Amino acid sequence: MIEIQLEGSFTARYKERSMAKMKKSPICPLVRDLIADGTIKPEDPILVTRDGKEVFNILPASYWAEYDYIEDDRYGPRRKQFVEFEGFEK
């Protein structure tokens, strides 16, 4: 079981690694980074906690990596399919 700890609203931590985001949940990008560098596997269960309390249901890392949770003033919080940015065309 992989435990991701939320610190405030904008920071997620796994051991010494952390990710901070202002307009979207830091959980998903952190999990994608951990999978990409081989620290965790897509099938590993993820437990998200804040102050030692479970925040979300336990889900596989692949679920968290597949989405982003974003928030804006117009639509409020929502889940979106993750699309990797490949840069601007020249």
Protein backbone atom coordinates (compact mmCIF):
# COMPACT_ATOMS: atom_id res chain seq x y z
CA MET A 1 0.00 0.00 0.00
CA ILE A 2 1.35 3.40 -1.03
CA GLU A 3 0.34 6.26 1.28
CA ILE A 4 0.14 9.75 -0.22
CA GLN A 5 -0.17 12.45 2.44
CA LEU A 6 -1.95 15.71 1.73
CA GLU A 7 -0.48 18.79 3.35
CA GLY A 8 -2.92 21.67 3.12
CA SER A 9 -4.88 21.99 -0.11
CA PHE A 10 -2.03 22.24 -2.58
CA THR A 11 0.73 19.76 -1.60
CA ALA A 12 0.92 15.96 -1.76
CA ARG A 13 3.85 13.97 -0.33
CA TYR A 14 5.17 10.41 -0.66
CA LYS A 15 8.19 9.84 1.58
CA GLU A 16 10.68 12.59 0.61
CA ARG A 17 8.93 13.42 -2.69
CA SER A 18 6.35 16.16 -2.85
CA MET A 19 4.28 17.94 -5.49
CA ALA A 20 2.56 21.31 -5.14
CA LYS A 21 -0.13 22.62 -7.52
CA MET A 22 -2.44 25.61 -7.16
CA LYS A 23 -5.34 24.98 -9.59
CA LYS A 24 -5.43 21.19 -9.57
CA SER A 25 -4.95 18.32 -7.17
CA PRO A 26 -1.27 17.47 -6.64
CA ILE A 27 -2.09 13.77 -6.14
CA CYS A 28 -2.42 12.83 -9.82
CA PRO A 29 0.81 14.47 -11.10
CA LEU A 30 2.75 13.05 -8.14
CA VAL A 31 1.47 9.53 -8.86
CA ARG A 32 2.33 9.91 -12.58
CA ASP A 33 5.89 10.93 -11.64
CA LEU A 34 6.24 8.00 -9.22
CA ILE A 35 5.07 5.54 -11.88
CA ALA A 36 7.30 7.09 -14.57
CA ASP A 37 10.47 6.73 -12.51
CA GLY A 38 9.60 3.20 -11.33
CA THR A 39 9.08 4.09 -7.65
CA ILE A 40 5.60 2.55 -7.76
CA LYS A 41 3.69 0.31 -10.17
CA PRO A 42 0.35 1.15 -11.84
CA GLU A 43 -1.37 -1.66 -9.94
CA ASP A 44 -0.15 -0.51 -6.50
CA PRO A 45 -3.01 0.56 -4.23
CA ILE A 46 -2.93 4.23 -3.21
CA LEU A 47 -4.16 5.42 0.17
CA VAL A 48 -4.60 9.21 0.39
CA THR A 49 -4.51 10.65 3.91
CA ARG A 50 -4.61 14.04 5.62
CA ASP A 51 -3.51 14.21 9.25
CA GLY A 52 -3.56 10.40 9.43
CA LYS A 53 -7.18 10.08 8.23
CA GLU A 54 -8.25 8.44 4.97
CA VAL A 55 -9.49 11.06 2.49
CA PHE A 56 -10.41 8.96 -0.57
CA ASN A 57 -11.23 5.32 -1.19
CA ILE A 58 -8.18 3.17 -1.87
CA LEU A 59 -7.66 3.05 -5.64
CA PRO A 60 -4.90 1.71 -7.91
CA ALA A 61 -2.16 4.13 -8.97
CA SER A 62 -3.30 3.75 -12.59
CA TYR A 63 -6.63 5.40 -11.67
CA TRP A 64 -4.91 8.46 -10.19
CA ALA A 65 -2.49 8.66 -13.13
CA GLU A 66 -5.31 8.63 -15.68
CA TYR A 67 -7.06 11.79 -14.43
CA ASP A 68 -6.53 15.30 -13.15
CA TYR A 69 -8.78 16.96 -10.61
CA ILE A 70 -8.95 20.65 -11.42
CA GLU A 71 -10.78 23.63 -10.03
CA ASP A 72 -11.60 26.96 -11.58
CA ASP A 73 -13.87 29.87 -10.80
CA ARG A 74 -16.31 29.12 -13.62
CA TYR A 75 -17.01 25.38 -13.15
CA GLY A 76 -15.74 24.50 -9.67
CA PRO A 77 -13.92 21.21 -8.96
CA ARG A 78 -14.14 18.46 -11.58
CA ARG A 79 -12.31 15.40 -12.91
CA LYS A 80 -10.71 15.50 -16.37
CA GLN A 81 -8.94 12.85 -18.41
CA PHE A 82 -5.18 13.48 -18.31
CA VAL A 83 -3.68 14.51 -21.66
CA GLU A 84 0.08 14.82 -21.82
CA PHE A 85 1.32 18.18 -23.13
CA GLU A 86 3.72 17.66 -26.00
CA GLY A 87 4.83 21.27 -26.44
CA PHE A 88 3.97 23.98 -28.88
CA GLU A 89 4.30 23.42 -32.62
CA LYS A 90 6.67 25.68 -34.48
